[in-house]
C-alpha atoms as a PDB file:
ATOM      1  CA  MET A   1     -19.105   2.138  24.392  1.00  0.00           C
ATOM      2  CA  LEU A   2     -20.099   3.951  21.196  1.00  0.00           C
ATOM      3  CA  LYS A   3     -17.110   2.470  19.330  1.00  0.00           C
ATOM      4  CA  VAL A   4     -18.115  -1.041  20.464  1.00  0.00           C
ATOM      5  CA  PHE A   5     -21.705  -0.467  19.330  1.00  0.00           C
ATOM      6  CA  VAL A   6     -20.598   0.733  15.887  1.00  0.00           C
ATOM      7  CA  PHE A   7     -18.342  -2.289  15.459  1.00  0.00           C
ATOM      8  CA  LEU A   8     -21.072  -4.755  16.514  1.00  0.00           C
ATOM      9  CA  PHE A   9     -23.625  -3.059  14.282  1.00  0.00           C
ATOM     10  CA  VAL A  10     -21.361  -3.268  11.237  1.00  0.00           C
ATOM     11  CA  LEU A  11     -20.406  -6.864  12.000  1.00  0.00           C
ATOM     12  CA  ALA A  12     -24.046  -7.902  12.485  1.00  0.00           C
ATOM     13  CA  SER A  13     -25.038  -6.154   9.263  1.00  0.00           C
ATOM     14  CA  HIS A  14     -22.449  -8.163   7.321  1.00  0.00           C
ATOM     15  CA  VAL A  15     -23.527 -11.490   8.829  1.00  0.00           C
ATOM     16  CA  LEU A  16     -27.301 -11.012   8.651  1.00  0.00           C
ATOM     17  CA  SER A  17     -27.503  -9.526   5.200  1.00  0.00           C
ATOM     18  CA  GLY A  18     -25.059 -11.917   3.538  1.00  0.00           C
ATOM     19  CA  VAL A  19     -24.039  -8.935   1.458  1.00  0.00           C
ATOM     20  CA  GLY A  20     -21.200  -9.326  -0.992  1.00  0.00           C
ATOM     21  CA  PHE A  21     -19.358  -7.249  -3.560  1.00  0.00           C
ATOM     22  CA  THR A  22     -17.669  -7.575  -6.911  1.00  0.00           C
ATOM     23  CA  ASN A  23     -14.383  -6.068  -8.012  1.00  0.00           C
ATOM     24  CA  PRO A  24     -13.211  -3.541  -9.004  1.00  0.00           C
ATOM     25  CA  VAL A  25     -13.744  -1.358  -5.956  1.00  0.00           C
ATOM     26  CA  LYS A  26     -12.486   1.779  -7.705  1.00  0.00           C
ATOM     27  CA  ASN A  27     -12.204   2.446 -11.423  1.00  0.00           C
ATOM     28  CA  PRO A  28     -10.667   4.554 -12.924  1.00  0.00           C
ATOM     29  CA  ASN A  29      -7.771   5.967 -10.890  1.00  0.00           C
ATOM     30  CA  GLY A  30      -7.527   2.857  -8.752  1.00  0.00           C
ATOM     31  CA  SER A  31      -3.725   2.723  -8.913  1.00  0.00           C
ATOM     32  CA  ASP A  32      -1.480   2.169  -5.885  1.00  0.00           C
ATOM     33  CA  PRO A  33      -4.339   1.517  -3.428  1.00  0.00           C
ATOM     34  CA  PHE A  34      -4.094   1.509   0.338  1.00  0.00           C
ATOM     35  CA  MET A  35      -6.836   0.602   2.824  1.00  0.00           C
ATOM     36  CA  VAL A  36      -7.341   0.649   6.573  1.00  0.00           C
ATOM     37  CA  PHE A  37     -10.332  -0.333   8.729  1.00  0.00           C
ATOM     38  CA  HIS A  38     -10.918   1.946  11.699  1.00  0.00           C
ATOM     39  CA  GLU A  39     -13.896   2.345  14.038  1.00  0.00           C
ATOM     40  CA  GLY A  40     -16.473   0.812  11.731  1.00  0.00           C
ATOM     41  CA  PHE A  41     -15.277   2.247   8.429  1.00  0.00           C
ATOM     42  CA  TYR A  42     -13.056   1.180   5.564  1.00  0.00           C
ATOM     43  CA  TYR A  43     -10.845   3.966   4.245  1.00  0.00           C
ATOM     44  CA  LEU A  44      -9.433   3.768   0.717  1.00  0.00           C
ATOM     45  CA  THR A  45      -6.901   6.037  -0.918  1.00  0.00           C
ATOM     46  CA  THR A  46      -5.247   5.675  -4.333  1.00  0.00           C
ATOM     47  CA  THR A  47      -3.056   7.597  -6.736  1.00  0.00           C
ATOM     48  CA  THR A  48      -5.162  10.343  -8.310  1.00  0.00           C
ATOM     49  CA  TRP A  49      -2.111  12.221  -9.651  1.00  0.00           C
ATOM     50  CA  THR A  50      -3.071  15.807  -8.694  1.00  0.00           C
ATOM     51  CA  ASN A  51      -4.301  15.527  -5.089  1.00  0.00           C
ATOM     52  CA  ILE A  52      -4.942  13.114  -2.217  1.00  0.00           C
ATOM     53  CA  GLN A  53      -8.447  11.704  -1.835  1.00  0.00           C
ATOM     54  CA  ILE A  54      -9.978   9.390   0.760  1.00  0.00           C
ATOM     55  CA  THR A  55     -13.131   7.332   0.322  1.00  0.00           C
ATOM     56  CA  ARG A  56     -14.879   5.693   3.264  1.00  0.00           C
ATOM     57  CA  ALA A  57     -17.771   3.272   3.749  1.00  0.00           C
ATOM     58  CA  THR A  58     -18.957   0.685   6.259  1.00  0.00           C
ATOM     59  CA  THR A  59     -18.693  -2.078   3.628  1.00  0.00           C
ATOM     60  CA  ILE A  60     -16.437  -2.874   0.707  1.00  0.00           C
ATOM     61  CA  ALA A  61     -19.470  -2.670  -1.565  1.00  0.00           C
ATOM     62  CA  GLY A  62     -20.154   0.808  -0.221  1.00  0.00           C
ATOM     63  CA  LEU A  63     -16.728   2.049  -1.303  1.00  0.00           C
ATOM     64  CA  LYS A  64     -17.781   1.600  -4.931  1.00  0.00           C
ATOM     65  CA  THR A  65     -20.426   4.337  -4.744  1.00  0.00           C
ATOM     66  CA  ALA A  66     -19.116   6.531  -1.892  1.00  0.00           C
ATOM     67  CA  THR A  67     -18.025  10.052  -2.740  1.00  0.00           C
ATOM     68  CA  PRO A  68     -14.280  10.628  -2.244  1.00  0.00           C
ATOM     69  CA  LYS A  69     -13.142  13.510  -0.071  1.00  0.00           C
ATOM     70  CA  VAL A  70     -10.213  15.589  -1.331  1.00  0.00           C
ATOM     71  CA  VAL A  71      -8.023  16.023   1.748  1.00  0.00           C
ATOM     72  CA  TRP A  72      -4.918  17.609   0.215  1.00  0.00           C
ATOM     73  CA  THR A  73      -3.812  19.722  -2.708  1.00  0.00           C
ATOM     74  CA  ASP A  74      -0.568  21.642  -2.894  1.00  0.00           C
ATOM     75  CA  SER A  75       0.653  24.564  -4.976  1.00  0.00           C
ATOM     76  CA  THR A  76       4.236  24.545  -3.658  1.00  0.00           C
ATOM     77  CA  ALA A  77       6.336  24.057  -6.783  1.00  0.00           C
ATOM     78  CA  SER A  78       8.647  21.385  -5.331  1.00  0.00           C
ATOM     79  CA  ARG A  79       5.742  19.115  -4.351  1.00  0.00           C
ATOM     80  CA  CYS A  80       2.771  20.327  -6.363  1.00  0.00           C
ATOM     81  CA  CYS A  81       2.430  17.548  -8.818  1.00  0.00           C
ATOM     82  CA  ASN A  82       2.695  13.871  -9.767  1.00  0.00           C
ATOM     83  CA  VAL A  83       1.122  12.924  -6.439  1.00  0.00           C
ATOM     84  CA  TRP A  84       1.519   9.164  -6.018  1.00  0.00           C
ATOM     85  CA  ALA A  85       0.873   6.289  -3.634  1.00  0.00           C
ATOM     86  CA  PRO A  86      -0.615   7.843  -0.463  1.00  0.00           C
ATOM     87  CA  GLU A  87      -0.857   5.633   2.634  1.00  0.00           C
ATOM     88  CA  ILE A  88      -2.619   6.345   5.946  1.00  0.00           C
ATOM     89  CA  HIS A  89      -0.821   5.238   9.117  1.00  0.00           C
ATOM     90  CA  TRP A  90      -1.454   5.733  12.837  1.00  0.00           C
ATOM     91  CA  LYS A  91       1.693   6.864  14.634  1.00  0.00           C
ATOM     92  CA  ALA A  92       1.225   5.950  18.274  1.00  0.00           C
ATOM     93  CA  ALA A  93       4.175   7.968  19.579  1.00  0.00           C
ATOM     94  CA  GLU A  94       2.685  11.150  18.129  1.00  0.00           C
ATOM     95  CA  GLY A  95      -0.923  10.149  18.806  1.00  0.00           C
ATOM     96  CA  ALA A  96      -1.906  11.145  15.270  1.00  0.00           C
ATOM     97  CA  TRP A  97      -2.707   9.842  11.807  1.00  0.00           C
ATOM     98  CA  PHE A  98      -0.145  10.539   9.113  1.00  0.00           C
ATOM     99  CA  ILE A  99      -0.394  10.242   5.349  1.00  0.00           C
ATOM    100  CA  TYR A 100       2.864   9.340   3.621  1.00  0.00           C
ATOM    101  CA  TYR A 101       2.921  10.025  -0.109  1.00  0.00           C
ATOM    102  CA  VAL A 102       5.112  10.933  -3.074  1.00  0.00           C
ATOM    103  CA  ALA A 103       5.114  14.201  -5.023  1.00  0.00           C
ATOM    104  CA  GLY A 104       7.402  16.321  -7.149  1.00  0.00           C
ATOM    105  CA  THR A 105       7.495  19.061  -9.753  1.00  0.00           C
ATOM    106  CA  SER A 106       5.206  19.520 -12.737  1.00  0.00           C
ATOM    107  CA  ASP A 107       7.771  19.164 -15.488  1.00  0.00           C
ATOM    108  CA  THR A 108       9.362  15.788 -14.747  1.00  0.00           C
ATOM    109  CA  PHE A 109       9.120  12.572 -12.725  1.00  0.00           C
ATOM    110  CA  ASP A 110      12.782  12.949 -11.757  1.00  0.00           C
ATOM    111  CA  ASN A 111      12.096  15.061  -8.652  1.00  0.00           C
ATOM    112  CA  GLN A 112       9.837  12.633  -6.805  1.00  0.00           C
ATOM    113  CA  ARG A 113      10.329  12.640  -3.027  1.00  0.00           C
ATOM    114  CA  ILE A 114       8.499  11.311   0.043  1.00  0.00           C
ATOM    115  CA  HIS A 115       6.310  13.693   2.055  1.00  0.00           C
ATOM    116  CA  ALA A 116       4.086  13.491   5.146  1.00  0.00           C
ATOM    117  CA  LEU A 117       0.780  15.038   6.217  1.00  0.00           C
ATOM    118  CA  ARG A 118      -0.470  15.087   9.807  1.00  0.00           C
ATOM    119  CA  GLY A 119      -4.101  14.655  10.759  1.00  0.00           C
ATOM    120  CA  SER A 120      -5.766  16.829  13.382  1.00  0.00           C
ATOM    121  CA  ALA A 121      -8.162  14.253  14.853  1.00  0.00           C
ATOM    122  CA  ASN A 122      -8.157  10.705  16.188  1.00  0.00           C
ATOM    123  CA  THR A 123     -10.483   9.703  13.366  1.00  0.00           C
ATOM    124  CA  ILE A 124      -9.332   9.793   9.764  1.00  0.00           C
ATOM    125  CA  TRP A 125     -12.481  11.313   8.288  1.00  0.00           C
ATOM    126  CA  ASP A 126     -12.714  14.136  10.823  1.00  0.00           C
ATOM    127  CA  SER A 127      -9.101  15.182  10.396  1.00  0.00           C
ATOM    128  CA  THR A 128      -7.893  18.350   8.793  1.00  0.00           C
ATOM    129  CA  TRP A 129      -4.586  17.527   7.155  1.00  0.00           C
ATOM    130  CA  SER A 130      -1.566  19.799   7.389  1.00  0.00           C
ATOM    131  CA  TYR A 131       1.797  19.491   5.702  1.00  0.00           C
ATOM    132  CA  ALA A 132       4.253  17.985   8.191  1.00  0.00           C
ATOM    133  CA  SER A 133       7.548  17.590   6.340  1.00  0.00           C
ATOM    134  CA  ARG A 134       9.468  16.101   3.495  1.00  0.00           C
ATOM    135  CA  ILE A 135      11.093  12.861   4.599  1.00  0.00           C
ATOM    136  CA  VAL A 136      14.764  13.585   3.965  1.00  0.00           C
ATOM    137  CA  ILE A 137      16.727  10.348   3.660  1.00  0.00           C
ATOM    138  CA  PRO A 138      20.175  10.746   5.299  1.00  0.00           C
ATOM    139  CA  THR A 139      23.087   9.869   2.999  1.00  0.00           C
ATOM    140  CA  ARG A 140      20.644   9.191   0.094  1.00  0.00           C
ATOM    141  CA  ASP A 141      18.539  12.315  -0.477  1.00  0.00           C
ATOM    142  CA  VAL A 142      17.590  11.221  -3.989  1.00  0.00           C
ATOM    143  CA  TRP A 143      14.551  10.100  -6.007  1.00  0.00           C
ATOM    144  CA  SER A 144      12.385   8.046  -3.639  1.00  0.00           C
ATOM    145  CA  ILE A 145       8.864   6.633  -3.986  1.00  0.00           C
ATOM    146  CA  ASP A 146       6.255   4.275  -2.508  1.00  0.00           C
ATOM    147  CA  PRO A 147       6.690   4.830   1.232  1.00  0.00           C
ATOM    148  CA  THR A 148       5.172   2.402   3.703  1.00  0.00           C
ATOM    149  CA  VAL A 149       5.551   1.675   7.413  1.00  0.00           C
ATOM    150  CA  LEU A 150       6.880  -1.564   8.896  1.00  0.00           C
ATOM    151  CA  ILE A 151       6.559  -2.276  12.616  1.00  0.00           C
ATOM    152  CA  ASN A 152       8.918  -4.606  14.458  1.00  0.00           C
ATOM    153  CA  GLY A 153       8.517  -4.710  18.215  1.00  0.00           C
ATOM    154  CA  ALA A 154       8.691  -1.172  19.567  1.00  0.00           C
ATOM    155  CA  ASN A 155      10.409   0.143  16.464  1.00  0.00           C
ATOM    156  CA  GLU A 156       8.942   1.522  13.247  1.00  0.00           C
ATOM    157  CA  TYR A 157      10.623   1.647   9.853  1.00  0.00           C
ATOM    158  CA  LEU A 158      10.158   3.432   6.569  1.00  0.00           C
ATOM    159  CA  VAL A 159      10.352   1.074   3.591  1.00  0.00           C
ATOM    160  CA  TYR A 160      10.498   2.623   0.129  1.00  0.00           C
ATOM    161  CA  SER A 161      11.853   2.303  -3.406  1.00  0.00           C
ATOM    162  CA  SER A 162      14.810   4.170  -4.888  1.00  0.00           C
ATOM    163  CA  PHE A 163      17.407   3.738  -7.606  1.00  0.00           C
ATOM    164  CA  ASP A 164      20.855   2.272  -7.096  1.00  0.00           C
ATOM    165  CA  GLY A 165      22.425   2.670 -10.499  1.00  0.00           C
ATOM    166  CA  ALA A 166      20.157   1.026 -13.082  1.00  0.00           C
ATOM    167  CA  ASN A 167      18.282  -0.943 -10.406  1.00  0.00           C
ATOM    168  CA  GLN A 168      15.184   0.318  -8.625  1.00  0.00           C
ATOM    169  CA  CYS A 169      15.621  -1.271  -5.205  1.00  0.00           C
ATOM    170  CA  LEU A 170      13.924  -1.495  -1.818  1.00  0.00           C
ATOM    171  CA  PHE A 171      15.429   0.387   1.119  1.00  0.00           C
ATOM    172  CA  ILE A 172      14.599   0.529   4.816  1.00  0.00           C
ATOM    173  CA  ALA A 173      15.338   3.211   7.444  1.00  0.00           C
ATOM    174  CA  GLU A 174      14.259   3.443  11.058  1.00  0.00           C
ATOM    175  CA  PHE A 175      11.891   6.229  12.051  1.00  0.00           C
ATOM    176  CA  THR A 176      13.329   8.544  14.721  1.00  0.00           C
ATOM    177  CA  SER A 177      10.098  10.561  14.639  1.00  0.00           C
ATOM    178  CA  ALA A 178       7.055  10.542  12.384  1.00  0.00           C
ATOM    179  CA  THR A 179       8.928  12.658   9.838  1.00  0.00           C
ATOM    180  CA  THR A 180      12.620  11.788  10.330  1.00  0.00           C
ATOM    181  CA  VAL A 181      14.570   8.594   9.706  1.00  0.00           C
ATOM    182  CA  GLY A 182      18.044   7.239  10.176  1.00  0.00           C
ATOM    183  CA  ASN A 183      20.447   6.049   7.509  1.00  0.00           C
ATOM    184  CA  PRO A 184      18.879   3.682   4.948  1.00  0.00           C
ATOM    185  CA  VAL A 185      19.867   0.115   4.113  1.00  0.00           C
ATOM    186  CA  LYS A 186      19.198  -1.605   0.808  1.00  0.00           C
ATOM    187  CA  ILE A 187      17.320  -4.873   1.404  1.00  0.00           C
ATOM    188  CA  SER A 188      16.289  -5.994  -2.096  1.00  0.00           C
ATOM    189  CA  THR A 189      17.752  -5.641  -5.594  1.00  0.00           C
ATOM    190  CA  PRO A 190      15.890  -6.849  -8.708  1.00  0.00           C
ATOM    191  CA  THR A 191      18.114  -9.680  -9.925  1.00  0.00           C
ATOM    192  CA  ASN A 192      15.701 -12.503 -10.780  1.00  0.00           C
ATOM    193  CA  ALA A 193      14.345 -12.760 -14.325  1.00  0.00           C
ATOM    194  CA  TRP A 194      10.779 -12.048 -13.132  1.00  0.00           C
ATOM    195  CA  GLU A 195      11.978  -8.798 -11.492  1.00  0.00           C
ATOM    196  CA  THR A 196      13.597  -7.419 -14.634  1.00  0.00           C
ATOM    197  CA  ILE A 197      10.892  -7.570 -17.317  1.00  0.00           C
ATOM    198  CA  GLY A 198      10.957  -4.210 -19.092  1.00  0.00           C
ATOM    199  CA  ALA A 199      13.071  -2.657 -16.319  1.00  0.00           C
ATOM    200  CA  ASN A 200      14.871  -3.742 -13.157  1.00  0.00           C
ATOM    201  CA  VAL A 201      12.254  -2.821 -10.532  1.00  0.00           C
ATOM    202  CA  ASN A 202      11.385  -3.500  -6.896  1.00  0.00           C
ATOM    203  CA  GLU A 203       8.711  -1.049  -5.665  1.00  0.00           C
ATOM    204  CA  GLY A 204       5.371  -0.745  -3.872  1.00  0.00           C
ATOM    205  CA  PRO A 205       6.415  -2.508  -0.624  1.00  0.00           C
ATOM    206  CA  ALA A 206       3.746  -3.516   1.899  1.00  0.00           C
ATOM    207  CA  ALA A 207       4.245  -5.038   5.346  1.00  0.00           C
ATOM    208  CA  LEU A 208       2.331  -8.202   6.247  1.00  0.00           C
ATOM    209  CA  TYR A 209       2.224  -9.848   9.673  1.00  0.00           C
ATOM    210  CA  HIS A 210       0.809 -13.242  10.650  1.00  0.00           C
ATOM    211  CA  GLY A 211       1.578 -15.892  13.253  1.00  0.00           C
ATOM    212  CA  GLY A 212       4.611 -14.061  14.561  1.00  0.00           C
ATOM    213  CA  SER A 213       6.202 -13.706  11.114  1.00  0.00           C
ATOM    214  CA  THR A 214       6.807 -10.588   9.040  1.00  0.00           C
ATOM    215  CA  TRP A 215       6.910 -10.205   5.263  1.00  0.00           C
ATOM    216  CA  ILE A 216       7.306  -7.407   2.754  1.00  0.00           C
ATOM    217  CA  ILE A 217       5.224  -8.047  -0.354  1.00  0.00           C
ATOM    218  CA  PHE A 218       6.477  -5.901  -3.227  1.00  0.00           C
ATOM    219  CA  SER A 219       5.944  -5.223  -6.927  1.00  0.00           C
ATOM    220  CA  ALA A 220       8.521  -6.298  -9.487  1.00  0.00           C
ATOM    221  CA  SER A 221       9.333  -5.397 -13.127  1.00  0.00           C
ATOM    222  CA  ASN A 222       8.079  -2.463 -15.178  1.00  0.00           C
ATOM    223  CA  CYS A 223       4.470  -1.423 -14.543  1.00  0.00           C
ATOM    224  CA  ALA A 224       4.215  -0.644 -18.280  1.00  0.00           C
ATOM    225  CA  GLY A 225       4.549  -4.106 -19.760  1.00  0.00           C
ATOM    226  CA  THR A 226       3.569  -7.719 -19.251  1.00  0.00           C
ATOM    227  CA  GLY A 227       5.667  -8.627 -16.223  1.00  0.00           C
ATOM    228  CA  TYR A 228       4.346  -6.582 -13.296  1.00  0.00           C
ATOM    229  CA  GLU A 229       3.674  -8.953 -10.366  1.00  0.00           C
ATOM    230  CA  LEU A 230       4.255  -9.450  -6.651  1.00  0.00           C
ATOM    231  CA  GLY A 231       7.285 -10.872  -4.877  1.00  0.00           C
ATOM    232  CA  GLN A 232       7.975 -11.720  -1.244  1.00  0.00           C
ATOM    233  CA  LEU A 233      10.670 -10.875   1.298  1.00  0.00           C
ATOM    234  CA  THR A 234      10.620 -12.725   4.632  1.00  0.00           C
ATOM    235  CA  LEU A 235      12.171 -11.331   7.786  1.00  0.00           C
ATOM    236  CA  THR A 236      14.286 -14.363   8.713  1.00  0.00           C
ATOM    237  CA  GLY A 237      16.749 -12.475  10.904  1.00  0.00           C
ATOM    238  CA  THR A 238      16.298 -10.339  13.990  1.00  0.00           C
ATOM    239  CA  ASN A 239      17.386  -6.934  12.706  1.00  0.00           C
ATOM    240  CA  PRO A 240      15.233  -5.369   9.934  1.00  0.00           C
ATOM    241  CA  LEU A 241      18.082  -2.919   9.215  1.00  0.00           C
ATOM    242  CA  SER A 242      20.374  -5.760   8.149  1.00  0.00           C
ATOM    243  CA  ALA A 243      20.055  -6.875   4.539  1.00  0.00           C
ATOM    244  CA  SER A 244      20.982 -10.405   5.617  1.00  0.00           C
ATOM    245  CA  SER A 245      17.842 -10.523   7.761  1.00  0.00           C
ATOM    246  CA  TRP A 246      15.651 -10.561   4.644  1.00  0.00           C
ATOM    247  CA  THR A 247      15.179 -13.630   2.436  1.00  0.00           C
ATOM    248  CA  LYS A 248      13.603 -13.280  -0.991  1.00  0.00           C
ATOM    249  CA  TYR A 249      11.323 -16.024  -2.300  1.00  0.00           C
ATOM    250  CA  VAL A 250      12.699 -17.266  -5.603  1.00  0.00           C
ATOM    251  CA  ASN A 251       9.453 -16.970  -7.606  1.00  0.00           C
ATOM    252  CA  PRO A 252       6.686 -14.373  -7.890  1.00  0.00           C
ATOM    253  CA  ILE A 253       3.722 -15.073  -5.600  1.00  0.00           C
ATOM    254  CA  PHE A 254       0.896 -13.195  -7.408  1.00  0.00           C
ATOM    255  CA  THR A 255       0.577 -12.894 -11.170  1.00  0.00           C
ATOM    256  CA  SER A 256      -1.949 -12.082 -13.905  1.00  0.00           C
ATOM    257  CA  ALA A 257      -5.093 -14.237 -13.954  1.00  0.00           C
ATOM    258  CA  ASN A 258      -8.791 -14.188 -14.824  1.00  0.00           C
ATOM    259  CA  GLY A 259      -8.460 -11.175 -17.114  1.00  0.00           C
ATOM    260  CA  ASN A 260      -6.754  -9.083 -14.420  1.00  0.00           C
ATOM    261  CA  ASN A 261      -3.347  -8.208 -15.787  1.00  0.00           C
ATOM    262  CA  GLU A 262      -0.179  -6.899 -14.155  1.00  0.00           C
ATOM    263  CA  PRO A 263      -1.484  -7.037 -10.548  1.00  0.00           C
ATOM    264  CA  GLY A 264       0.668  -5.001  -8.199  1.00  0.00           C
ATOM    265  CA  HIS A 265       1.240  -2.279  -5.629  1.00  0.00           C
ATOM    266  CA  ASP A 266      -0.556  -4.061  -2.822  1.00  0.00           C
ATOM    267  CA  GLY A 267      -1.512  -3.235   0.734  1.00  0.00           C
ATOM    268  CA  PHE A 268      -3.046  -5.231   3.584  1.00  0.00           C
ATOM    269  CA  PHE A 269      -5.862  -4.457   6.006  1.00  0.00           C
ATOM    270  CA  LEU A 270      -7.734  -6.223   8.800  1.00  0.00           C
ATOM    271  CA  SER A 271     -11.384  -7.219   8.733  1.00  0.00           C
ATOM    272  CA  PRO A 272     -13.787  -5.760  11.354  1.00  0.00           C
ATOM    273  CA  SER A 273     -13.163  -8.674  13.732  1.00  0.00           C
ATOM    274  CA  GLY A 274      -9.420  -8.509  13.192  1.00  0.00           C
ATOM    275  CA  ASN A 275      -9.426 -12.230  12.372  1.00  0.00           C
ATOM    276  CA  GLN A 276      -9.047 -11.901   8.604  1.00  0.00           C
ATOM    277  CA  ILE A 277      -6.342 -10.206   6.542  1.00  0.00           C
ATOM    278  CA  TRP A 278      -7.264  -8.839   3.135  1.00  0.00           C
ATOM    279  CA  ILE A 279      -5.120  -7.642   0.252  1.00  0.00           C
ATOM    280  CA  VAL A 280      -5.834  -4.555  -1.824  1.00  0.00           C
ATOM    281  CA  PHE A 281      -4.040  -4.158  -5.162  1.00  0.00           C
ATOM    282  CA  HIS A 282      -4.414  -2.730  -8.628  1.00  0.00           C
ATOM    283  CA  ALA A 283      -4.745  -4.507 -11.961  1.00  0.00           C
ATOM    284  CA  SER A 284      -5.733  -3.791 -15.549  1.00  0.00           C
ATOM    285  CA  THR A 285      -7.819  -5.387 -18.291  1.00  0.00           C
ATOM    286  CA  ALA A 286      -5.148  -4.325 -20.777  1.00  0.00           C
ATOM    287  CA  SER A 287      -1.958  -6.222 -21.466  1.00  0.00           C
ATOM    288  CA  PRO A 288       0.678  -4.889 -21.791  1.00  0.00           C
ATOM    289  CA  GLY A 289      -0.331  -2.749 -18.836  1.00  0.00           C
ATOM    290  CA  LEU A 290       0.130   0.973 -18.410  1.00  0.00           C
ATOM    291  CA  CYS A 291       1.362   3.038 -15.461  1.00  0.00           C
ATOM    292  CA  ASP A 292      -1.675   5.311 -15.482  1.00  0.00           C
ATOM    293  CA  GLY A 293      -5.177   5.815 -14.123  1.00  0.00           C
ATOM    294  CA  SER A 294      -6.655   3.014 -16.220  1.00  0.00           C
ATOM    295  CA  ARG A 295      -5.701   0.581 -13.455  1.00  0.00           C
ATOM    296  CA  TYR A 296      -8.459  -0.388 -11.016  1.00  0.00           C
ATOM    297  CA  THR A 297      -8.565  -1.344  -7.334  1.00  0.00           C
ATOM    298  CA  MET A 298      -9.315  -4.921  -6.278  1.00  0.00           C
ATOM    299  CA  VAL A 299      -9.626  -6.591  -2.856  1.00  0.00           C
ATOM    300  CA  GLN A 300      -9.738 -10.217  -1.756  1.00  0.00           C
ATOM    301  CA  GLN A 301      -8.942 -12.269   1.325  1.00  0.00           C
ATOM    302  CA  VAL A 302      -5.464 -13.600   2.105  1.00  0.00           C
ATOM    303  CA  GLU A 303      -5.146 -17.318   2.820  1.00  0.00           C
ATOM    304  CA  TRP A 304      -2.172 -19.159   4.303  1.00  0.00           C
ATOM    305  CA  HIS A 305       0.098 -22.034   3.349  1.00  0.00           C
ATOM    306  CA  SER A 306       0.555 -24.900   5.789  1.00  0.00           C
ATOM    307  CA  ASP A 307       3.914 -23.430   6.796  1.00  0.00           C
ATOM    308  CA  GLY A 308       2.197 -20.166   7.773  1.00  0.00           C
ATOM    309  CA  SER A 309       3.397 -18.117   4.798  1.00  0.00           C
ATOM    310  CA  PRO A 310       0.927 -16.032   2.772  1.00  0.00           C
ATOM    311  CA  LEU A 311      -1.100 -17.715   0.044  1.00  0.00           C
ATOM    312  CA  LEU A 312      -2.403 -14.910  -2.149  1.00  0.00           C
ATOM    313  CA  GLY A 313      -3.779 -17.209  -4.845  1.00  0.00           C
ATOM    314  CA  SER A 314      -4.647 -15.318  -8.033  1.00  0.00           C
ATOM    315  CA  PRO A 315      -6.607 -12.156  -8.812  1.00  0.00           C
ATOM    316  CA  ARG A 316     -10.263 -13.203  -8.726  1.00  0.00           C
ATOM    317  CA  ALA A 317     -12.540 -12.750 -11.716  1.00  0.00           C
ATOM    318  CA  LEU A 318     -14.480  -9.500 -11.827  1.00  0.00           C
ATOM    319  CA  THR A 319     -17.656 -11.582 -12.020  1.00  0.00           C
ATOM    320  CA  ASP A 320     -17.002 -13.241  -8.656  1.00  0.00           C
ATOM    321  CA  SER A 321     -19.325 -12.285  -5.808  1.00  0.00           C
ATOM    322  CA  ILE A 322     -17.120 -11.990  -2.705  1.00  0.00           C
ATOM    323  CA  ALA A 323     -18.508 -12.050   0.816  1.00  0.00           C
ATOM    324  CA  GLU A 324     -17.787  -8.990   2.926  1.00  0.00           C
ATOM    325  CA  PRO A 325     -14.976  -9.269   5.478  1.00  0.00           C
ATOM    326  CA  VAL A 326     -16.077 -10.276   8.983  1.00  0.00           C
END
């Protein structure tokens, strides 16, 4: 009953007050954002390079002034540093929240690997986080970044980015537990011109579900340059572990606009009612962009094409007043 009351209170507050917000939601250190709405609160986490922080608020506007909580730092040499792209996911089989993130050594970016933290409570904010494991990729225990979770039926999958020769590609592997996966399969290689500006890159995957369809929205090209933007993979087959089940849209679907340059590394979250889907992403006022903490976090609602596919539009102007999700 308490959970229902909190939800109704937050929903009523949004409707009655007509409150809105302007982007950015976090600046600086708004890179690689991820958001989830749970039991009346929005939770935001981004790349802060040296630790993992979570910010929470009952409104998007509230995230702008809320004080982040540092939930993890690590002095273990193999994973102490270059902490990137944390994401918070509920793992039903384990009955726990997990944070998947990337970290490596202090002296180089070459040792980046995927790691997992486990939460102690059913609520994100109340959790104490403990180190669970490094996610060792069978047959490809190499440089790996940008982990996310894709759900298909009763099965869950790790989707991430890793090199195959000169190409930074997207791979998928099925979870066998919250911290172990099966053999990976490459599902996307940067071959289109818009995926190879400055470097051949597919990274920052995010799962999106709507109307019975599943997509992976990903970032393409070098984050330090003028070409960073979002592309789209559609699950057109029945087996996510088969590369032939994924169809790439031929053009980018989200590009620089309204003074927001090199938009990328997106995530998706539900509104309080569950009837709206919103995108969170980073962008920069600078162009060419940089792969650093100068990028800021933006959010806006996802719309839909007549065929049911996602219509992301363009990054909205920072002067736009945006109504809170409902």
